[in-house]
Amino acid sequence: ATAYAEGDSVTFDNAAGGTITLTAARTPQTTTVSAASGTYTFAGAAINGSGALNKSGGGTVAFTVANGYTGGTTVTG
């Protein structure tokens, strides 16, 4: 794990998933989510900016707030 800085690419790859609580809106370059079977839930604040969301694996991604990222969404699993 490393500290996040605005514009970083971020990866969430715990096979079981988990809850990610954002304390403020974030603008990552890319957000990659790979959960083999679990669910990743993003809560608290939005993912914004021009970055993309890439989802792979058999797990699920859920959002509890509307997001404003504009880089598109790619689902490969």
Protein backbone atom coordinates (compact mmCIF):
# COMPACT_ATOMS: atom_id res chain seq x y z
CA ALA A 1 0.00 0.00 0.00
CA THR A 2 1.14 3.53 -0.77
CA ALA A 3 -0.27 6.97 -0.08
CA TYR A 4 -2.64 8.26 -2.79
CA ALA A 5 -1.91 11.50 -4.64
CA GLU A 6 -4.38 13.12 -7.04
CA GLY A 7 -3.82 11.81 -10.57
CA ASP A 8 -2.34 8.46 -9.46
CA SER A 9 -3.54 5.21 -10.99
CA VAL A 10 -5.17 3.03 -8.33
CA THR A 11 -5.75 -0.71 -8.16
CA PHE A 12 -8.04 -2.67 -5.85
CA ASP A 13 -7.31 -6.38 -6.19
CA ASN A 14 -8.30 -8.20 -3.03
CA ALA A 15 -10.12 -11.34 -4.22
CA ALA A 16 -12.82 -10.90 -1.57
CA GLY A 17 -13.49 -7.20 -2.33
CA GLY A 18 -14.23 -4.70 0.42
CA THR A 19 -15.66 -1.26 1.15
CA ILE A 20 -13.73 1.81 -0.01
CA THR A 21 -14.90 4.93 1.78
CA LEU A 22 -13.72 8.13 0.10
CA THR A 23 -13.63 11.13 2.44
CA ALA A 24 -13.58 13.58 -0.49
CA ALA A 25 -14.04 13.40 -4.27
CA ARG A 26 -10.94 11.96 -5.98
CA THR A 27 -9.53 12.23 -9.51
CA PRO A 28 -7.37 9.17 -10.25
CA GLN A 29 -5.77 8.65 -13.67
CA THR A 30 -7.33 5.17 -13.79
CA THR A 31 -9.20 3.03 -11.29
CA THR A 32 -8.73 -0.73 -11.68
CA VAL A 33 -10.91 -3.16 -9.73
CA SER A 34 -10.23 -6.89 -9.85
CA ALA A 35 -12.20 -9.06 -7.43
CA ALA A 36 -12.36 -12.80 -8.10
CA SER A 37 -15.68 -13.30 -6.35
CA GLY A 38 -16.29 -10.55 -3.80
CA THR A 39 -17.87 -7.11 -4.02
CA TYR A 40 -16.06 -3.78 -3.94
CA THR A 41 -18.34 -1.01 -2.70
CA PHE A 42 -17.25 2.60 -3.19
CA ALA A 43 -18.93 4.99 -0.73
CA GLY A 44 -18.67 8.47 0.71
CA ALA A 45 -17.64 10.64 -2.24
CA ALA A 46 -17.34 10.55 -6.02
CA ILE A 47 -14.63 9.45 -8.43
CA ASN A 48 -14.24 12.36 -10.86
CA GLY A 49 -11.88 13.56 -13.58
CA SER A 50 -10.90 12.23 -16.99
CA GLY A 51 -9.73 8.83 -15.76
CA ALA A 52 -11.29 5.48 -16.66
CA LEU A 53 -12.70 2.63 -14.57
CA ASN A 54 -11.49 -0.87 -15.49
CA LYS A 55 -13.24 -3.84 -13.88
CA SER A 56 -12.10 -7.45 -14.27
CA GLY A 57 -12.75 -10.76 -12.55
CA GLY A 58 -15.97 -12.43 -11.47
CA GLY A 59 -16.67 -10.06 -8.57
CA THR A 60 -18.95 -7.03 -8.40
CA VAL A 61 -18.44 -3.26 -8.15
CA ALA A 62 -21.09 -1.10 -6.46
CA PHE A 63 -21.26 2.68 -6.00
CA THR A 64 -23.35 4.42 -3.34
CA VAL A 65 -22.89 7.91 -4.88
CA ALA A 66 -23.01 9.23 -8.44
CA ASN A 67 -19.59 9.51 -10.07
CA GLY A 68 -18.34 12.07 -12.56
CA TYR A 69 -15.35 10.37 -14.22
CA THR A 70 -15.36 10.71 -18.01
CA GLY A 71 -12.73 8.23 -19.20
CA GLY A 72 -15.20 5.41 -19.78
CA THR A 73 -15.83 2.05 -18.15
CA THR A 74 -14.37 -1.26 -19.33
CA VAL A 75 -15.73 -4.54 -17.93
CA THR A 76 -13.84 -7.77 -18.68
CA GLY A 77 -15.36 -10.20 -16.23
